[in-house]
Amino acid sequence: MRVLPTNTEAVVFDCDGLLVNTEVCWTVAETAIFAEHGHPFGHEQKALVIGRTVEAAAESMAQYLGCPGGGAELAAELLERVRKELSRGAAALPGAAELVRACRAAVPVAVASNSPRELLDVALWSAGLADCFPHSFAADEVRSPKPAPELYLTACETLGAAPTCSVAFEDSATGIAAARAAGLYVAVVPSLPGGDLDHDWLGTSLADPELQDWARELGRGSACRLSP
């Protein structure tokens, strides 16, 4: 495991399952859809959809459930169900607010999410994090969302930071692939246990004291040194 770099120009966070406990909302919606088709929904099924856009998740669900051509219909149902669950509120995950604020005090920060703008705004607002991010980027605002690198490249360009001198925080394989393809240093806090995820730094929570110590050190270096 590499040490988190303090010579960092920007920090970009995923949202769902990393900053905000929205995966519970997604899981309730996904479980209901699987149940309608006579299938259970557990760890294996969650791994098929976590971190994906609504459309990509629905396509995976359609294939798994034996509903060829049913992706669009499942996407509409999934979006409506998640919207309903999110309306009840979603809390920030442990350490998220503290880490974001500590990072923002030192370097530019942003959110790059595979959720559509509508759900991203609700999640950040519900968790009390909306005011922490002058910049956020949603899946329906780019041509190629995660696992493509466009969301991360757009975020870094807007923040005026080189991707190779920036840190991405992610929780899923889909998001990790996007950050890796964009060239960012990849810090991972998995939302699903037991997975073997690509990473430069791996932790169990954003409340990890190492992260708070790292955030206080941000911006003190004189050059970017993210290469191993």
Protein backbone atom coordinates (compact mmCIF):
# COMPACT_ATOMS: atom_id res chain seq x y z
CA MET A 1 0.00 0.00 0.00
CA ARG A 2 1.36 3.39 -0.97
CA VAL A 3 1.26 6.35 1.39
CA LEU A 4 -1.35 8.98 0.59
CA PRO A 5 0.37 11.86 -1.27
CA THR A 6 0.42 15.26 0.39
CA ASN A 7 1.68 16.96 -2.77
CA THR A 8 -1.82 16.99 -4.21
CA GLU A 9 -3.49 19.61 -6.39
CA ALA A 10 -7.12 18.46 -5.97
CA VAL A 11 -9.29 15.80 -4.37
CA VAL A 12 -12.32 14.34 -6.16
CA PHE A 13 -14.89 12.25 -4.31
CA ASP A 14 -17.46 9.74 -5.48
CA CYS A 15 -20.80 10.20 -3.71
CA ASP A 16 -23.01 7.11 -3.38
CA GLY A 17 -21.70 4.65 -0.84
CA LEU A 18 -18.65 6.78 -0.12
CA LEU A 19 -19.80 10.19 1.12
CA VAL A 20 -23.50 9.47 1.56
CA ASN A 21 -25.26 6.32 2.73
CA THR A 22 -27.40 6.10 -0.39
CA GLU A 23 -26.52 2.51 -1.23
CA VAL A 24 -29.22 1.53 1.26
CA CYS A 25 -31.72 3.37 -0.93
CA TRP A 26 -30.43 1.70 -4.09
CA THR A 27 -30.45 -1.72 -2.44
CA VAL A 28 -34.08 -1.37 -1.32
CA ALA A 29 -35.06 -0.44 -4.87
CA GLU A 30 -32.98 -3.19 -6.48
CA THR A 31 -34.25 -5.82 -4.04
CA ALA A 32 -37.84 -4.95 -4.86
CA ILE A 33 -37.25 -5.23 -8.60
CA PHE A 34 -35.49 -8.57 -8.27
CA ALA A 35 -38.31 -9.84 -6.04
CA GLU A 36 -40.88 -8.85 -8.66
CA HIS A 37 -39.08 -11.17 -11.06
CA GLY A 38 -38.80 -14.01 -8.54
CA HIS A 39 -35.13 -13.59 -7.71
CA PRO A 40 -33.33 -12.95 -4.42
CA PHE A 41 -30.97 -10.00 -4.12
CA GLY A 42 -27.73 -10.48 -2.22
CA HIS A 43 -24.02 -9.73 -2.40
CA GLU A 44 -23.58 -11.36 -5.81
CA GLN A 45 -26.42 -9.39 -7.36
CA LYS A 46 -25.33 -6.13 -5.74
CA ALA A 47 -21.87 -6.53 -7.23
CA LEU A 48 -23.47 -6.53 -10.70
CA VAL A 49 -24.94 -3.05 -10.31
CA ILE A 50 -23.00 -1.10 -7.68
CA GLY A 51 -21.34 2.07 -8.91
CA ARG A 52 -23.01 1.96 -12.31
CA THR A 53 -25.29 4.51 -13.90
CA VAL A 54 -29.03 3.91 -13.67
CA GLU A 55 -29.04 2.82 -17.31
CA ALA A 56 -26.05 0.48 -17.02
CA ALA A 57 -27.38 -1.05 -13.80
CA ALA A 58 -30.76 -1.64 -15.44
CA GLU A 59 -29.15 -3.33 -18.43
CA SER A 60 -27.24 -5.66 -16.10
CA MET A 61 -30.44 -6.38 -14.22
CA ALA A 62 -32.31 -7.10 -17.47
CA GLN A 63 -29.68 -9.61 -18.54
CA TYR A 64 -29.61 -11.30 -15.16
CA LEU A 65 -33.39 -11.46 -14.89
CA GLY A 66 -33.83 -12.79 -18.40
CA CYS A 67 -35.58 -9.69 -19.73
CA PRO A 68 -33.89 -8.96 -23.07
CA GLY A 69 -34.73 -5.47 -24.27
CA GLY A 70 -36.15 -4.55 -20.87
CA GLY A 71 -33.35 -2.23 -19.79
CA ALA A 72 -35.18 1.03 -20.43
CA GLU A 73 -38.27 -0.06 -18.53
CA LEU A 74 -36.21 -1.32 -15.60
CA ALA A 75 -34.19 1.91 -15.60
CA ALA A 76 -37.36 3.98 -15.27
CA GLU A 77 -38.61 1.78 -12.43
CA LEU A 78 -35.24 1.83 -10.68
CA LEU A 79 -35.02 5.62 -10.90
CA GLU A 80 -38.52 6.06 -9.52
CA ARG A 81 -37.91 3.67 -6.64
CA VAL A 82 -34.57 5.27 -5.71
CA ARG A 83 -36.14 8.72 -5.91
CA LYS A 84 -38.81 7.57 -3.45
CA GLU A 85 -36.24 6.10 -1.05
CA LEU A 86 -34.02 9.18 -1.20
CA SER A 87 -36.97 11.42 -0.38
CA ARG A 88 -36.84 9.90 3.10
CA GLY A 89 -33.30 11.22 3.55
CA ALA A 90 -29.79 9.81 3.52
CA ALA A 91 -27.04 10.51 6.05
CA ALA A 92 -23.39 11.30 5.49
CA LEU A 93 -21.18 8.29 6.13
CA PRO A 94 -18.79 8.38 9.12
CA GLY A 95 -15.92 10.80 8.62
CA ALA A 96 -17.20 12.13 5.29
CA ALA A 97 -18.04 15.68 6.34
CA GLU A 98 -14.87 16.07 8.39
CA LEU A 99 -12.63 14.77 5.61
CA VAL A 100 -14.25 16.86 2.88
CA ARG A 101 -13.96 20.04 4.94
CA ALA A 102 -10.35 19.35 5.88
CA CYS A 103 -9.45 18.71 2.22
CA ARG A 104 -11.32 21.78 1.03
CA ALA A 105 -9.37 23.96 3.44
CA ALA A 106 -6.18 22.98 1.62
CA VAL A 107 -6.98 22.19 -2.03
CA PRO A 108 -9.89 22.36 -4.50
CA VAL A 109 -12.43 19.55 -4.11
CA ALA A 110 -15.26 18.19 -6.24
CA VAL A 111 -17.74 15.32 -6.53
CA ALA A 112 -17.79 13.05 -9.59
CA SER A 113 -20.84 10.79 -9.43
CA ASN A 114 -22.44 8.16 -11.65
CA SER A 115 -25.85 9.24 -10.38
CA PRO A 116 -27.95 11.63 -12.46
CA ARG A 117 -27.91 15.26 -11.35
CA GLU A 118 -31.33 14.97 -9.74
CA LEU A 119 -30.27 12.19 -7.36
CA LEU A 120 -26.80 13.62 -6.73
CA ASP A 121 -28.21 16.96 -5.58
CA VAL A 122 -30.74 15.27 -3.29
CA ALA A 123 -28.07 13.03 -1.76
CA LEU A 124 -25.60 15.86 -1.06
CA TRP A 125 -28.33 18.12 0.31
CA SER A 126 -29.80 15.39 2.50
CA ALA A 127 -26.39 14.59 3.99
CA GLY A 128 -25.57 18.26 4.65
CA LEU A 129 -22.69 18.24 2.17
CA ALA A 130 -24.07 20.39 -0.65
CA ASP A 131 -22.36 23.56 0.59
CA CYS A 132 -19.00 21.76 0.79
CA PHE A 133 -18.69 21.40 -2.97
CA PRO A 134 -18.55 24.41 -5.30
CA HIS A 135 -18.23 21.88 -8.12
CA SER A 136 -19.99 18.57 -8.70
CA PHE A 137 -20.38 16.47 -11.82
CA ALA A 138 -23.13 13.96 -12.60
CA ALA A 139 -23.42 11.06 -15.01
CA ASP A 140 -26.04 12.75 -17.18
CA GLU A 141 -23.73 15.74 -17.75
CA VAL A 142 -21.01 13.85 -19.65
CA ARG A 143 -21.09 11.72 -22.78
CA SER A 144 -19.32 8.76 -21.19
CA PRO A 145 -19.83 8.24 -17.42
CA LYS A 146 -17.87 5.79 -15.28
CA PRO A 147 -16.08 3.44 -15.97
CA ALA A 148 -14.91 5.90 -18.63
CA PRO A 149 -12.55 8.60 -17.31
CA GLU A 150 -14.56 11.62 -18.51
CA LEU A 151 -16.12 12.54 -15.15
CA TYR A 152 -12.73 12.62 -13.45
CA LEU A 153 -11.01 14.40 -16.32
CA THR A 154 -13.77 17.03 -16.37
CA ALA A 155 -13.50 17.53 -12.62
CA CYS A 156 -9.73 17.97 -12.72
CA GLU A 157 -9.92 20.36 -15.65
CA THR A 158 -12.52 22.49 -13.86
CA LEU A 159 -10.43 22.54 -10.68
CA GLY A 160 -7.29 23.47 -12.61
CA ALA A 161 -5.47 20.35 -11.45
CA ALA A 162 -3.45 17.73 -13.30
CA PRO A 163 -5.12 14.32 -12.96
CA THR A 164 -1.75 12.73 -12.14
CA CYS A 165 -1.44 15.17 -9.23
CA SER A 166 -4.96 14.56 -7.92
CA VAL A 167 -6.56 12.02 -5.59
CA ALA A 168 -9.83 10.18 -6.21
CA PHE A 169 -11.84 8.59 -3.40
CA GLU A 170 -13.95 5.65 -4.58
CA ASP A 171 -15.88 2.67 -3.24
CA SER A 172 -16.68 0.50 -6.27
CA ALA A 173 -14.87 -1.23 -9.13
CA THR A 174 -16.70 0.92 -11.69
CA GLY A 175 -15.55 4.17 -10.11
CA ILE A 176 -12.04 2.87 -9.52
CA ALA A 177 -11.72 1.99 -13.21
CA ALA A 178 -12.73 5.54 -14.14
CA ALA A 179 -10.28 7.17 -11.75
CA ARG A 180 -7.49 4.85 -12.82
CA ALA A 181 -8.14 5.52 -16.51
CA ALA A 182 -8.02 9.27 -15.83
CA GLY A 183 -4.64 8.91 -14.11
CA LEU A 184 -5.58 9.90 -10.56
CA TYR A 185 -4.17 8.37 -7.38
CA VAL A 186 -6.91 6.01 -6.19
CA ALA A 187 -7.94 5.86 -2.53
CA VAL A 188 -10.57 3.22 -1.84
CA VAL A 189 -13.09 2.68 0.96
CA PRO A 190 -15.19 -0.27 -0.26
CA SER A 191 -18.94 -0.16 0.22
CA LEU A 192 -19.16 -3.92 -0.29
CA PRO A 193 -16.94 -6.11 1.93
CA GLY A 194 -14.85 -8.94 0.61
CA GLY A 195 -13.95 -7.56 -2.81
CA ASP A 196 -10.43 -7.45 -4.20
CA LEU A 197 -10.42 -3.90 -5.54
CA ASP A 198 -7.63 -2.12 -7.37
CA HIS A 199 -6.23 0.67 -5.18
CA ASP A 200 -3.26 2.80 -4.23
CA TRP A 201 -4.57 3.28 -0.68
CA LEU A 202 -7.20 1.09 0.98
CA GLY A 203 -9.18 1.81 4.15
CA THR A 204 -12.36 0.78 5.89
CA SER A 205 -13.87 4.20 6.62
CA LEU A 206 -13.48 7.88 5.81
CA ALA A 207 -13.21 8.31 9.58
CA ASP A 208 -9.81 6.56 9.48
CA PRO A 209 -7.46 8.78 11.54
CA GLU A 210 -4.84 8.40 8.81
CA LEU A 211 -7.10 10.29 6.42
CA GLN A 212 -7.63 13.16 8.82
CA ASP A 213 -3.88 13.42 9.40
CA TRP A 214 -3.29 13.34 5.64
CA ALA A 215 -5.83 16.07 4.98
CA ARG A 216 -4.08 18.37 7.43
CA GLU A 217 -0.84 17.87 5.52
CA LEU A 218 -2.29 18.65 2.09
CA GLY A 219 -0.70 21.46 0.17
CA ARG A 220 2.47 21.59 2.25
CA GLY A 221 4.68 19.94 -0.37
CA SER A 222 6.40 21.78 -3.18
CA ALA A 223 5.87 19.33 -6.05
CA CYS A 224 3.57 16.59 -7.20
CA ARG A 225 5.02 13.16 -6.40
CA LEU A 226 2.34 10.56 -7.06
CA SER A 227 4.48 8.13 -9.04
CA PRO A 228 5.66 5.07 -7.11
